[in-house]
Each structure stands twice: as C-alpha cells, then as structure tokens.
Amino acid sequence: MVEAPACEHTRAVVLHEHVCLGDEPVEHLAPAGVVEVDAETALAVVLLDEVAGATVTHHGERARRVAIRRLLDLHHTGAGLGKQTGDRGAREVLGHVDDLEAVEDRTRCGHGSNRSRDAPDGRRASGKMCVVSLRPFVLGAVAYDPKVVTIWEGFKQWFAGQGFAFDYVLYSGYEAQAEAHLAGHVDVTWDSPLCWVRTRRLASAAGTNARAIVMRDSDQDLTSLVLVRSDSQITNVSQLRGRTVAVGAVDSPQATLLPLAHLAGLGLEPGGDFAVRRFDIMVNKHGDHVGGERDAVKALVAGEVDAACVIDGNHLVFAKEGTIVSGAVRVLTRTAPFDHCTMTVLDGVDTATTDRFAKLLLSMSYDDPTVRPLLRLEGLKEWRVGRTTGYAPLEAAVDQLGFYGADGSILNDDYRRILAS
C-alpha cells in the first residue's frame, strides 16, 4: 500500500471503484494509488461521528459529490451535524454542486466483516468502515468488429491497474451512440469523424458543447483518394463526366462524403455529372467496416466502374492483402487532409475525472508490453490531444451533400430509409 500524503483532516487512499471510510485495513478491496483530499471533503467525513480521522477516497468531482450526498443524508436525518460544522448548514459545507441526483450512492457499513445495524428510527448507524461504490467512468463505442470487445476489455483492465474505475458500453451503430451520449447514458464516446459532427450539432442544438479530448496519432492528417485503373484513358477529373464512380457505404466519411464533396468542389456534381455506385456494407458504422471500400475497389479492378474512392490507409491495406495488384491502379485526385476518430465529452461531465481519463490515455506507451497489443488492434502508436480543426472538411461535406442538418437531424433520405429498415 502506498503511503497517503498528509491532509488537514485525514488521509486519502484511492481504490478502484470504491470509496472507503474507516480505520480498518483496505488493501483487500483493490489495488491502490494515492491522492490528497481537499479540506472540505474531509470535513464532510468527520461529520460521521464515529469515523473522525477516517480514511476517505476523494477522486475528482464524482467522489466529492458522493461525500456531499452522504453529508446531505445526515442533514436530512438530523444526524452527525455537530460542532465540526460551526453550525453551518450541510449544503454550505462543500459549496454548490450541480446534479447530485446523477451520483449513485450505494452504501454499506460495518466494523470489519460485521455490518452495522440501522438505528431504530431508520437512520443508518455509523460503523467503523463504510464503502461507497462509485459509478465508473463509462465510454460508449461502436461494435464494428469483434476486436472492439478485446480492445476495450483490455483497456478496462489497464485502467483498473491505474486505480481508475472505467467501463464501456457497445452500440450497434453511431447514430444510437450519439443520441445516447446526449441523453447522458455515457460519459465519453469513441466517435467516428461523422459521429463527432453529429454529436457536436446535437449538443449545440441542446445548448451545450462537445469537446474532442483525445485522438490517435493515426487519426490526424489523412486523405481520401479517387483511384482509376492504370490503363484508363482518364487523366484528369473532368474526364469523369458521364462515368461511374464507386464509393463506400452511404455514411462513410472517407469513402463517400469527403471524396464526393471533393469532386463537387472540382465542378462535377455527384449523381448529375457522373453516376455514383454505392456499396452499402454495414451501414451505420460510418465506414469503420471497410467492406464497402474493398468492394468499390474490386469493382474498379474488375472494370465494372471507372473510378473508386478509398481512404489512403486502406489503399495501402488493399495492396498489401492483394485486392489491388501492384501497378493496377493510380491516383487521379485526393482530398484535402482531414482528421478521423476522437474521444468526445460534453459539458457537464466531471472535469477532474475527464482529465484523469485523458491523461491516462496519453500516458500509454507503445513500449509497454501490456498495452502494445491493444494499441496495435486500435491502430495507433500513441494517443494525442484532441483537436477539431481537422473536421472542417467533413463539416463542409455534410452540409454540401445534405447529410445532417445544423441541429444534427438526419437529412439523407437513403440513410434514413436504411436505418428504418
């Protein structure tokens, strides 16, 4: 057990998923790290008559809220508000905190292995040890591939080893994930670039803000390509007029929205100046499943279409796996650089816990054999601080092609029909 730093009223020990009060040994509960509680939180603890000078976890605002909840419970029952408060009201001790109802406060108390009994009047008796379970920091992600479970289960274990309570929820598609995020069902989401765009718009329409806090090194400065066969007579974009261009799924930012907007910016209207052949593989995954891109390239190689749109990274993957034979295709044009996935949080989520989550991600080292396999599965070598400048091209493409409204509503009729089917 790491020794806790001194504090004005007590000492603090951070435990995975638990807050512990009392003077009993706590090593058996979980691996521990240490933080210092603030004096106000410690003051809430000493209000528990029999545990003055106790051990308390204070890990960010969420734990602070739990302490406040306990304090208010005492206030409502008339218990424990003695001279320690200086006769101040319970709500004044720790100051104003919003949305106390969002905190789960499941308490069990006892002395050692013996739980204390409630008082006859219904008040909870103060024991030598109380454990208040904290809801973990919950991430939402989309299950576009079975490896997603392996990735986040592995990260969950790693976070636990750092003393950070973490869990995840998987969604079948990004639209449900964005809506669940706005509903407060999760604390952070691992978003596709298109999901970032919708989440930001939904948040803005709801009067709040979305922040991109962390992304992969492999998410930054990507481009999408329009490929043609090497033996094609097409040598410039204008020659695509009257031809057929293959794209990925309707909701693929990299293989549909961005390259089509790029061609439109060069003077060719999709569906007007050239035909669009779409490969709707696993729609609502926002192109994370590359099957649509792969099928588009196969159609190009087979001579079924005149051009195909892919992200630059998948161009290399398809060549390596043999979908594209060396020398079979060439790049006709490429989009401006854009960014891909990001960790997204909304205003109102505890800042201290969010910062802790972000710092832990940024601290992951590719040299660490524990996380290296997970980083490989997730396609990165290092996490980087999030940014939003790289989403400007996609924001413009979404508007240009009428995919989402300014309020995050889904406007594309084909997409809406597929989602409803």
Protein backbone atom coordinates (compact mmCIF):
# COMPACT_ATOMS: atom_id res chain seq x y z
CA MET A 1 0.00 0.00 0.00
CA VAL A 2 1.36 3.39 -0.97
CA GLU A 3 1.54 5.83 1.92
CA ALA A 4 -1.02 8.61 1.63
CA PRO A 5 0.02 12.26 1.80
CA ALA A 6 -0.87 14.36 4.79
CA CYS A 7 -4.12 16.30 4.74
CA GLU A 8 -5.67 18.80 7.09
CA HIS A 9 -8.32 16.42 8.41
CA THR A 10 -7.49 12.93 7.22
CA ARG A 11 -5.57 10.88 4.69
CA ALA A 12 -6.72 9.61 1.32
CA VAL A 13 -6.40 6.28 -0.44
CA VAL A 14 -7.76 5.85 -3.98
CA LEU A 15 -9.29 2.45 -4.63
CA HIS A 16 -10.63 1.03 -7.87
CA GLU A 17 -14.42 1.56 -7.86
CA HIS A 18 -14.72 2.23 -4.14
CA VAL A 19 -14.58 4.98 -1.57
CA CYS A 20 -13.55 3.69 1.84
CA LEU A 21 -14.18 5.31 5.17
CA GLY A 22 -12.81 3.86 8.37
CA ASP A 23 -9.70 2.66 10.10
CA GLU A 24 -9.88 -0.98 9.03
CA PRO A 25 -7.33 -2.39 6.55
CA VAL A 26 -8.41 -1.71 2.99
CA GLU A 27 -5.74 -3.46 0.96
CA HIS A 28 -8.06 -6.39 0.25
CA LEU A 29 -10.55 -4.25 -1.62
CA ALA A 30 -8.49 -3.21 -4.62
CA PRO A 31 -5.13 -2.00 -5.90
CA ALA A 32 -4.47 1.49 -4.63
CA GLY A 33 -2.94 4.75 -5.64
CA VAL A 34 -3.00 7.93 -3.59
CA VAL A 35 -4.42 11.41 -3.83
CA GLU A 36 -4.94 14.15 -1.28
CA VAL A 37 -8.45 15.02 -0.28
CA ASP A 38 -9.43 18.66 -0.06
CA ALA A 39 -10.28 20.04 3.37
CA GLU A 40 -13.96 20.44 2.53
CA THR A 41 -14.38 16.78 1.62
CA ALA A 42 -12.54 15.77 4.76
CA LEU A 43 -14.89 17.98 6.75
CA ALA A 44 -17.82 16.04 5.33
CA VAL A 45 -16.21 12.85 6.54
CA VAL A 46 -15.66 13.97 10.11
CA LEU A 47 -19.36 14.67 10.33
CA LEU A 48 -19.74 10.91 10.63
CA ASP A 49 -19.46 10.87 14.42
CA GLU A 50 -17.62 7.62 14.84
CA VAL A 51 -15.20 7.92 11.96
CA ALA A 52 -13.50 11.27 12.58
CA GLY A 53 -9.94 10.96 11.34
CA ALA A 54 -11.03 8.21 8.96
CA THR A 55 -9.74 7.15 5.56
CA VAL A 56 -11.58 8.57 2.59
CA THR A 57 -11.18 8.41 -1.13
CA HIS A 58 -11.59 11.65 -3.00
CA HIS A 59 -11.03 11.10 -6.70
CA GLY A 60 -12.32 14.05 -8.65
CA GLU A 61 -15.71 15.67 -8.61
CA ARG A 62 -17.66 12.41 -8.68
CA ALA A 63 -16.21 11.29 -5.34
CA ARG A 64 -16.76 14.80 -3.99
CA ARG A 65 -20.42 14.51 -4.91
CA VAL A 66 -20.67 11.20 -3.09
CA ALA A 67 -19.24 12.85 0.01
CA ILE A 68 -21.79 15.63 -0.35
CA ARG A 69 -24.60 13.12 -0.80
CA ARG A 70 -23.58 11.42 2.43
CA LEU A 71 -23.44 14.76 4.17
CA LEU A 72 -26.91 15.69 2.96
CA ASP A 73 -28.26 12.32 4.07
CA LEU A 74 -27.00 13.12 7.55
CA HIS A 75 -28.52 16.56 7.34
CA HIS A 76 -31.93 15.18 6.42
CA THR A 77 -31.90 12.66 9.27
CA GLY A 78 -30.56 15.17 11.77
CA ALA A 79 -27.53 13.01 12.49
CA GLY A 80 -23.91 14.00 12.77
CA LEU A 81 -24.19 17.76 12.40
CA GLY A 82 -22.21 18.77 15.45
CA LYS A 83 -19.68 21.40 16.36
CA GLN A 84 -17.44 20.38 13.43
CA THR A 85 -19.60 22.35 11.03
CA GLY A 86 -19.59 25.53 13.07
CA ASP A 87 -23.39 25.32 12.93
CA ARG A 88 -23.37 25.87 9.18
CA GLY A 89 -25.97 24.15 7.05
CA ALA A 90 -24.98 20.94 5.30
CA ARG A 91 -25.22 22.47 1.85
CA GLU A 92 -22.83 25.24 2.84
CA VAL A 93 -20.06 22.93 3.93
CA LEU A 94 -18.97 21.86 0.45
CA GLY A 95 -20.47 24.64 -1.62
CA HIS A 96 -22.70 24.42 -4.66
CA VAL A 97 -22.62 21.22 -6.72
CA ASP A 98 -24.94 20.61 -9.65
CA ASP A 99 -26.94 17.47 -10.38
CA LEU A 100 -26.46 15.49 -7.19
CA GLU A 101 -29.10 13.06 -8.41
CA ALA A 102 -26.67 11.86 -11.09
CA VAL A 103 -24.45 10.27 -8.44
CA GLU A 104 -25.02 6.70 -7.41
CA ASP A 105 -24.68 6.36 -3.62
CA ARG A 106 -24.84 2.73 -2.59
CA THR A 107 -23.54 2.48 0.96
CA ARG A 108 -22.76 -0.44 3.19
CA CYS A 109 -21.29 -0.01 6.63
CA GLY A 110 -19.82 -2.33 9.18
CA HIS A 111 -16.96 -3.00 11.56
CA GLY A 112 -14.52 -5.33 9.87
CA SER A 113 -16.58 -8.14 8.42
CA ASN A 114 -19.58 -7.33 10.61
CA ARG A 115 -22.05 -4.86 9.18
CA SER A 116 -23.61 -2.35 11.49
CA ARG A 117 -27.34 -2.27 12.02
CA ASP A 118 -29.58 0.67 11.30
CA ALA A 119 -30.81 2.67 14.26
CA PRO A 120 -34.41 2.07 15.43
CA ASP A 121 -35.51 5.39 13.99
CA GLY A 122 -34.35 4.35 10.50
CA ARG A 123 -31.08 6.26 10.46
CA ARG A 124 -28.05 4.38 9.22
CA ALA A 125 -25.75 3.64 12.11
CA SER A 126 -22.18 4.87 11.75
CA GLY A 127 -19.75 1.97 11.51
CA LYS A 128 -16.01 1.71 11.67
CA MET A 129 -15.94 1.22 7.94
CA CYS A 130 -18.19 2.40 5.12
CA VAL A 131 -17.77 1.63 1.44
CA VAL A 132 -19.50 3.89 -1.09
CA SER A 133 -19.46 2.42 -4.57
CA LEU A 134 -18.82 4.92 -7.36
CA ARG A 135 -20.25 4.55 -10.84
CA PRO A 136 -17.26 4.10 -13.15
CA PHE A 137 -16.41 6.49 -15.96
CA VAL A 138 -18.33 4.98 -18.87
CA LEU A 139 -17.29 5.05 -22.52
CA GLY A 140 -19.54 4.38 -25.50
CA ALA A 141 -18.11 2.70 -28.60
CA VAL A 142 -19.48 1.04 -31.72
CA ALA A 143 -19.03 -2.70 -32.23
CA TYR A 144 -17.98 -2.59 -35.87
CA ASP A 145 -15.73 -5.64 -35.40
CA PRO A 146 -15.34 -8.41 -32.76
CA LYS A 147 -11.94 -6.99 -31.85
CA VAL A 148 -13.68 -4.00 -30.25
CA VAL A 149 -14.54 -6.17 -27.23
CA THR A 150 -10.92 -7.31 -26.92
CA ILE A 151 -9.66 -3.72 -27.14
CA TRP A 152 -11.91 -2.18 -24.51
CA GLU A 153 -11.86 -5.15 -22.17
CA GLY A 154 -8.08 -4.88 -22.23
CA PHE A 155 -8.13 -1.13 -21.66
CA LYS A 156 -10.61 -1.60 -18.83
CA GLN A 157 -8.17 -3.91 -17.05
CA TRP A 158 -5.33 -1.48 -17.65
CA PHE A 159 -7.34 1.42 -16.23
CA ALA A 160 -8.15 -0.69 -13.16
CA GLY A 161 -4.44 -1.16 -12.60
CA GLN A 162 -4.08 2.62 -12.56
CA GLY A 163 -6.79 2.96 -9.90
CA PHE A 164 -9.32 4.38 -12.37
CA ALA A 165 -12.86 2.98 -12.37
CA PHE A 166 -13.79 2.51 -16.03
CA ASP A 167 -16.37 0.62 -18.04
CA TYR A 168 -17.72 0.66 -21.58
CA VAL A 169 -21.00 0.21 -23.45
CA LEU A 170 -21.10 -1.02 -27.05
CA TYR A 171 -23.62 0.22 -29.60
CA SER A 172 -24.58 -1.36 -32.90
CA GLY A 173 -24.33 1.98 -34.70
CA TYR A 174 -23.10 5.54 -34.34
CA GLU A 175 -26.48 7.25 -34.53
CA ALA A 176 -27.70 5.48 -31.39
CA GLN A 177 -24.38 6.22 -29.72
CA ALA A 178 -24.64 9.96 -30.42
CA GLU A 179 -28.20 10.08 -29.11
CA ALA A 180 -27.30 8.07 -26.01
CA HIS A 181 -24.43 10.45 -25.35
CA LEU A 182 -26.74 13.45 -25.46
CA ALA A 183 -29.14 11.61 -23.14
CA GLY A 184 -26.36 11.23 -20.58
CA HIS A 185 -26.12 7.45 -20.75
CA VAL A 186 -22.32 7.55 -21.10
CA ASP A 187 -19.59 9.95 -20.05
CA VAL A 188 -17.40 9.82 -23.16
CA THR A 189 -17.74 8.36 -26.64
CA TRP A 190 -15.20 6.98 -29.09
CA ASP A 191 -16.55 8.71 -32.18
CA SER A 192 -16.07 8.35 -35.87
CA PRO A 193 -15.48 11.72 -37.58
CA LEU A 194 -19.09 11.71 -38.79
CA CYS A 195 -20.33 10.90 -35.30
CA TRP A 196 -18.29 13.82 -33.98
CA VAL A 197 -20.04 16.10 -36.48
CA ARG A 198 -23.48 14.90 -35.45
CA THR A 199 -22.72 14.94 -31.73
CA ARG A 200 -21.39 18.48 -31.96
CA ARG A 201 -24.51 19.60 -33.79
CA LEU A 202 -26.88 17.80 -31.44
CA ALA A 203 -25.06 19.30 -28.47
CA SER A 204 -25.18 22.80 -29.92
CA ALA A 205 -28.92 22.45 -30.60
CA ALA A 206 -29.37 21.35 -26.97
CA GLY A 207 -27.47 24.39 -25.68
CA THR A 208 -24.30 22.60 -24.68
CA ASN A 209 -20.86 21.91 -26.15
CA ALA A 210 -18.90 18.89 -27.31
CA ARG A 211 -15.13 18.63 -26.86
CA ALA A 212 -12.65 16.41 -28.67
CA ILE A 213 -10.25 15.43 -25.90
CA VAL A 214 -8.02 12.63 -27.26
CA MET A 215 -7.37 11.01 -30.61
CA ARG A 216 -4.90 8.57 -32.13
CA ASP A 217 -1.75 9.59 -33.97
CA SER A 218 -3.26 7.71 -36.92
CA ASP A 219 -6.37 9.93 -36.87
CA GLN A 220 -4.62 13.09 -37.98
CA ASP A 221 -3.97 14.49 -41.46
CA LEU A 222 -5.50 11.73 -43.55
CA THR A 223 -6.64 11.98 -47.16
CA SER A 224 -9.06 10.10 -49.38
CA LEU A 225 -8.23 9.10 -52.93
CA VAL A 226 -10.10 8.75 -56.19
CA LEU A 227 -8.49 5.82 -57.99
CA VAL A 228 -8.66 4.82 -61.64
CA ARG A 229 -7.16 1.81 -63.41
CA SER A 230 -3.64 2.31 -64.59
CA ASP A 231 -4.65 1.59 -68.19
CA SER A 232 -7.60 4.02 -68.06
CA GLN A 233 -7.78 6.89 -70.52
CA ILE A 234 -8.94 9.13 -67.68
CA THR A 235 -6.12 11.51 -66.84
CA ASN A 236 -7.96 14.42 -65.21
CA VAL A 237 -11.04 14.85 -63.07
CA SER A 238 -13.13 16.47 -65.80
CA GLN A 239 -13.00 13.19 -67.72
CA LEU A 240 -15.13 11.54 -65.05
CA ARG A 241 -18.11 13.33 -66.56
CA GLY A 242 -20.57 10.72 -67.77
CA ARG A 243 -18.65 7.93 -65.99
CA THR A 244 -19.41 5.78 -62.93
CA VAL A 245 -17.62 6.30 -59.61
CA ALA A 246 -17.74 3.63 -56.89
CA VAL A 247 -17.92 4.72 -53.26
CA GLY A 248 -18.27 3.02 -49.89
CA ALA A 249 -21.33 2.96 -47.64
CA VAL A 250 -23.72 5.91 -47.67
CA ASP A 251 -22.43 7.02 -44.25
CA SER A 252 -18.71 6.55 -44.89
CA PRO A 253 -16.96 9.89 -44.40
CA GLN A 254 -13.71 8.76 -46.02
CA ALA A 255 -15.04 6.70 -48.93
CA THR A 256 -18.23 8.58 -49.79
CA LEU A 257 -18.90 12.01 -48.27
CA LEU A 258 -15.44 13.55 -48.44
CA PRO A 259 -14.43 12.35 -51.93
CA LEU A 260 -17.84 13.18 -53.41
CA ALA A 261 -17.70 16.66 -51.92
CA HIS A 262 -14.16 16.96 -53.26
CA LEU A 263 -15.31 16.11 -56.77
CA ALA A 264 -18.21 18.54 -56.43
CA GLY A 265 -15.72 21.22 -55.46
CA LEU A 266 -13.87 20.49 -58.71
CA GLY A 267 -17.03 21.09 -60.71
CA LEU A 268 -18.57 17.62 -61.00
CA GLU A 269 -21.96 17.10 -59.39
CA PRO A 270 -22.44 13.59 -57.92
CA GLY A 271 -25.43 11.86 -59.49
CA GLY A 272 -25.60 14.53 -62.16
CA ASP A 273 -22.29 14.83 -63.96
CA PHE A 274 -21.33 11.26 -63.07
CA ALA A 275 -23.13 8.20 -61.73
CA VAL A 276 -22.47 7.05 -58.17
CA ARG A 277 -22.38 3.34 -57.42
CA ARG A 278 -22.57 2.82 -53.67
CA PHE A 279 -21.53 -0.26 -51.71
CA ASP A 280 -23.63 -0.16 -48.55
CA ILE A 281 -21.79 -2.63 -46.35
CA MET A 282 -22.68 -2.43 -42.63
CA VAL A 283 -24.36 0.96 -42.78
CA ASN A 284 -24.46 2.95 -39.50
CA LYS A 285 -20.84 2.03 -38.81
CA HIS A 286 -19.71 5.23 -40.58
CA GLY A 287 -17.26 3.37 -42.75
CA ASP A 288 -15.38 1.77 -39.84
CA HIS A 289 -16.10 -1.56 -41.51
CA VAL A 290 -14.04 -1.28 -44.70
CA GLY A 291 -16.10 -3.80 -46.66
CA GLY A 292 -17.74 -1.09 -48.74
CA GLU A 293 -14.40 0.41 -49.73
CA ARG A 294 -13.00 -3.01 -50.55
CA ASP A 295 -15.96 -3.85 -52.77
CA ALA A 296 -15.65 -0.47 -54.53
CA VAL A 297 -12.02 -1.21 -55.35
CA LYS A 298 -12.87 -4.73 -56.51
CA ALA A 299 -15.45 -3.24 -58.87
CA LEU A 300 -12.82 -0.87 -60.24
CA VAL A 301 -10.25 -3.62 -60.80
CA ALA A 302 -12.93 -5.77 -62.47
CA GLY A 303 -13.77 -2.95 -64.90
CA GLU A 304 -17.31 -2.52 -63.58
CA VAL A 305 -16.78 1.16 -62.70
CA ASP A 306 -14.44 3.89 -63.90
CA ALA A 307 -13.15 5.14 -60.54
CA ALA A 308 -13.29 4.22 -56.86
CA CYS A 309 -12.98 6.22 -53.64
CA VAL A 310 -10.93 4.99 -50.67
CA ILE A 311 -9.01 6.42 -47.73
CA ASP A 312 -5.26 6.47 -48.25
CA GLY A 313 -4.58 3.94 -45.49
CA ASN A 314 -6.95 1.39 -46.98
CA HIS A 315 -5.36 1.87 -50.39
CA LEU A 316 -2.17 0.53 -48.82
CA VAL A 317 -4.02 -2.24 -46.98
CA PHE A 318 -5.78 -3.41 -50.16
CA ALA A 319 -2.47 -3.51 -52.00
CA LYS A 320 -0.84 -5.48 -49.19
CA GLU A 321 -3.67 -8.03 -48.99
CA GLY A 322 -3.75 -8.48 -52.77
CA THR A 323 -7.10 -6.84 -53.51
CA ILE A 324 -5.15 -4.40 -55.64
CA VAL A 325 -2.37 -5.98 -57.70
CA SER A 326 0.79 -3.88 -57.85
CA GLY A 327 0.54 -1.32 -60.63
CA ALA A 328 -3.14 -2.00 -61.31
CA VAL A 329 -4.46 1.43 -60.24
CA ARG A 330 -3.30 5.01 -59.91
CA VAL A 331 -4.42 8.08 -58.01
CA LEU A 332 -6.46 10.56 -60.05
CA THR A 333 -7.02 13.08 -57.25
CA ARG A 334 -7.01 13.28 -53.47
CA THR A 335 -8.95 15.27 -50.89
CA ALA A 336 -7.61 17.88 -48.52
CA PRO A 337 -6.28 16.45 -45.22
CA PHE A 338 -8.84 15.63 -42.55
CA ASP A 339 -8.95 14.01 -39.11
CA HIS A 340 -10.67 10.78 -38.19
CA CYS A 341 -11.82 9.43 -34.77
CA THR A 342 -11.90 11.25 -31.44
CA MET A 343 -12.86 10.82 -27.80
CA THR A 344 -15.79 13.17 -27.24
CA VAL A 345 -17.16 14.60 -23.99
CA LEU A 346 -19.99 17.04 -23.38
CA ASP A 347 -20.19 19.93 -20.97
CA GLY A 348 -21.40 18.84 -17.56
CA VAL A 349 -19.24 15.73 -17.24
CA ASP A 350 -16.90 15.96 -14.26
CA THR A 351 -13.79 17.80 -15.42
CA ALA A 352 -11.38 16.16 -12.97
CA THR A 353 -12.44 12.64 -13.97
CA THR A 354 -12.37 13.52 -17.68
CA ASP A 355 -8.90 14.98 -17.32
CA ARG A 356 -7.75 11.88 -15.47
CA PHE A 357 -9.11 9.66 -18.25
CA ALA A 358 -7.39 11.74 -20.92
CA LYS A 359 -4.08 11.82 -19.06
CA LEU A 360 -4.12 8.07 -18.61
CA LEU A 361 -4.69 7.54 -22.33
CA LEU A 362 -1.91 9.97 -23.19
CA SER A 363 0.41 8.16 -20.78
CA MET A 364 0.08 4.82 -22.57
CA SER A 365 3.40 3.77 -24.05
CA TYR A 366 3.87 1.60 -27.09
CA ASP A 367 6.91 0.21 -25.30
CA ASP A 368 4.65 -1.20 -22.57
CA PRO A 369 4.04 -4.87 -23.45
CA THR A 370 0.72 -4.75 -21.58
CA VAL A 371 -0.88 -2.15 -23.83
CA ARG A 372 1.09 -2.61 -27.06
CA PRO A 373 -1.19 -5.40 -28.39
CA LEU A 374 -4.24 -3.26 -27.64
CA LEU A 375 -2.74 -0.21 -29.33
CA ARG A 376 -1.97 -2.33 -32.39
CA LEU A 377 -5.55 -3.58 -32.52
CA GLU A 378 -6.80 0.00 -32.24
CA GLY A 379 -4.36 1.12 -34.94
CA LEU A 380 -2.13 3.59 -33.14
CA LYS A 381 1.28 4.02 -31.58
CA GLU A 382 0.37 6.91 -29.33
CA TRP A 383 -2.63 8.89 -28.17
CA ARG A 384 -2.60 12.63 -28.85
CA VAL A 385 -4.51 15.60 -27.51
CA GLY A 386 -7.71 16.02 -29.49
CA ARG A 387 -8.32 18.82 -31.96
CA THR A 388 -11.28 19.88 -34.09
CA THR A 389 -9.64 21.80 -36.94
CA GLY A 390 -9.33 18.59 -38.93
CA TYR A 391 -13.11 18.18 -39.06
CA ALA A 392 -13.75 21.30 -41.12
CA PRO A 393 -13.68 19.44 -44.49
CA LEU A 394 -16.25 16.91 -43.25
CA GLU A 395 -18.47 19.59 -41.74
CA ALA A 396 -18.49 21.26 -45.16
CA ALA A 397 -19.14 17.97 -46.98
CA VAL A 398 -22.06 17.13 -44.67
CA ASP A 399 -23.64 20.49 -45.48
CA GLN A 400 -22.84 20.35 -49.17
CA LEU A 401 -24.35 16.88 -49.61
CA GLY A 402 -27.26 17.47 -47.22
CA PHE A 403 -26.40 14.60 -44.89
CA TYR A 404 -27.15 16.17 -41.47
CA GLY A 405 -28.98 19.33 -40.58
CA ALA A 406 -27.44 22.09 -38.48
CA ASP A 407 -29.30 20.62 -35.49
CA GLY A 408 -27.94 17.11 -36.05
CA SER A 409 -31.09 15.78 -37.70
CA ILE A 410 -30.58 13.13 -40.37
CA LEU A 411 -31.48 14.56 -43.79
CA ASN A 412 -30.18 11.96 -46.26
CA ASP A 413 -33.25 10.02 -47.43
CA ASP A 414 -31.35 6.85 -48.37
CA TYR A 415 -29.64 6.76 -45.00
CA ARG A 416 -32.89 7.31 -43.13
CA ARG A 417 -34.56 4.53 -45.11
CA ILE A 418 -31.75 2.08 -44.37
CA LEU A 419 -31.75 2.96 -40.68
CA ALA A 420 -35.50 2.39 -40.53
CA SER A 421 -35.37 -0.97 -42.32
